[in-house]
C-alpha cells in the first residue's frame, strides 16, 4: 500500500539524492524584471496598473 510519494520513489528504485535540491526559478533577472516580480508577488493587477506602479510612463 502506498502512503506517500516516497513510497513510489522507493518502489521505482529512483535515486532521489540529486532531485532533492530545489532549482531557482529566477536566476538572472534584470533590474526591471526583478521589479515586476516584486510588485506582482504582493498582488495581482492589470497591466496598466503595473506600468503605473513601475513609473515607466508609456
C-alpha atoms as a PDB file:
ATOM      1  CA  UNK A   1       0.000   0.000   0.000  1.00  0.00           C
ATOM      2  CA  UNK A   2       1.261   3.464  -0.889  1.00  0.00           C
ATOM      3  CA  UNK A   3       1.273   6.070   1.832  1.00  0.00           C
ATOM      4  CA  UNK A   4       3.389   8.818   0.267  1.00  0.00           C
ATOM      5  CA  UNK A   5       5.324   9.898  -2.799  1.00  0.00           C
ATOM      6  CA  UNK A   6       8.415   8.465  -1.134  1.00  0.00           C
ATOM      7  CA  UNK A   7       6.854   5.000  -1.408  1.00  0.00           C
ATOM      8  CA  UNK A   8       6.553   5.424  -5.172  1.00  0.00           C
ATOM      9  CA  UNK A   9      10.142   6.625  -5.465  1.00  0.00           C
ATOM     10  CA  UNK A  10      11.356   3.687  -3.410  1.00  0.00           C
ATOM     11  CA  UNK A  11       9.262   1.233  -5.460  1.00  0.00           C
ATOM     12  CA  UNK A  12      10.722   2.534  -8.709  1.00  0.00           C
ATOM     13  CA  UNK A  13      14.279   2.385  -7.311  1.00  0.00           C
ATOM     14  CA  UNK A  14      14.909   6.020  -8.174  1.00  0.00           C
ATOM     15  CA  UNK A  15      17.982   7.734  -6.815  1.00  0.00           C
ATOM     16  CA  UNK A  16      16.497  10.963  -5.469  1.00  0.00           C
ATOM     17  CA  UNK A  17      19.565  12.458  -3.816  1.00  0.00           C
ATOM     18  CA  UNK A  18      20.055  14.833  -6.757  1.00  0.00           C
ATOM     19  CA  UNK A  19      16.328  15.571  -7.032  1.00  0.00           C
ATOM     20  CA  UNK A  20      16.016  16.984  -3.532  1.00  0.00           C
ATOM     21  CA  UNK A  21      17.733  20.250  -4.441  1.00  0.00           C
ATOM     22  CA  UNK A  22      15.125  22.797  -5.489  1.00  0.00           C
ATOM     23  CA  UNK A  23      16.037  24.777  -8.541  1.00  0.00           C
ATOM     24  CA  UNK A  24      15.744  28.540  -8.505  1.00  0.00           C
ATOM     25  CA  UNK A  25      13.044  29.867 -10.829  1.00  0.00           C
ATOM     26  CA  UNK A  26      14.554  33.263 -11.490  1.00  0.00           C
ATOM     27  CA  UNK A  27      18.314  33.054 -11.749  1.00  0.00           C
ATOM     28  CA  UNK A  28      19.484  36.091 -13.689  1.00  0.00           C
ATOM     29  CA  UNK A  29      16.878  38.829 -13.765  1.00  0.00           C
ATOM     30  CA  UNK A  30      17.425  42.341 -14.978  1.00  0.00           C
ATOM     31  CA  UNK A  31      16.556  45.164 -12.594  1.00  0.00           C
ATOM     32  CA  UNK A  32      13.278  45.767 -14.459  1.00  0.00           C
ATOM     33  CA  UNK A  33      12.342  42.089 -14.333  1.00  0.00           C
ATOM     34  CA  UNK A  34      13.108  41.978 -10.605  1.00  0.00           C
ATOM     35  CA  UNK A  35      10.850  44.999 -10.009  1.00  0.00           C
ATOM     36  CA  UNK A  36       7.995  43.265 -11.855  1.00  0.00           C
ATOM     37  CA  UNK A  37       8.425  40.089  -9.787  1.00  0.00           C
ATOM     38  CA  UNK A  38       8.454  42.090  -6.547  1.00  0.00           C
ATOM     39  CA  UNK A  39       5.305  44.024  -7.456  1.00  0.00           C
ATOM     40  CA  UNK A  40       3.352  41.000  -8.708  1.00  0.00           C
ATOM     41  CA  UNK A  41       4.376  38.776  -5.797  1.00  0.00           C
ATOM     42  CA  UNK A  42       2.341  41.003  -3.476  1.00  0.00           C
ATOM     43  CA  UNK A  43      -0.874  41.201  -5.537  1.00  0.00           C
ATOM     44  CA  UNK A  44      -2.497  40.738  -8.916  1.00  0.00           C
ATOM     45  CA  UNK A  45      -3.004  43.781 -11.095  1.00  0.00           C
ATOM     46  CA  UNK A  46      -3.960  44.857 -14.582  1.00  0.00           C
ATOM     47  CA  UNK A  47      -1.102  45.596 -16.976  1.00  0.00           C
ATOM     48  CA  UNK A  48      -1.958  49.306 -16.920  1.00  0.00           C
ATOM     49  CA  UNK A  49      -1.687  49.385 -13.126  1.00  0.00           C
ATOM     50  CA  UNK A  50       1.620  47.509 -13.358  1.00  0.00           C
ATOM     51  CA  UNK A  51       3.031  50.073 -15.782  1.00  0.00           C
ATOM     52  CA  UNK A  52       1.872  52.867 -13.471  1.00  0.00           C
ATOM     53  CA  UNK A  53       3.449  51.157 -10.439  1.00  0.00           C
ATOM     54  CA  UNK A  54       6.722  50.836 -12.341  1.00  0.00           C
ATOM     55  CA  UNK A  55       6.686  54.514 -13.365  1.00  0.00           C
ATOM     56  CA  UNK A  56       7.682  53.597 -16.897  1.00  0.00           C
ATOM     57  CA  UNK A  57       5.448  56.291 -18.423  1.00  0.00           C
ATOM     58  CA  UNK A  58       4.302  54.669 -21.669  1.00  0.00           C
END
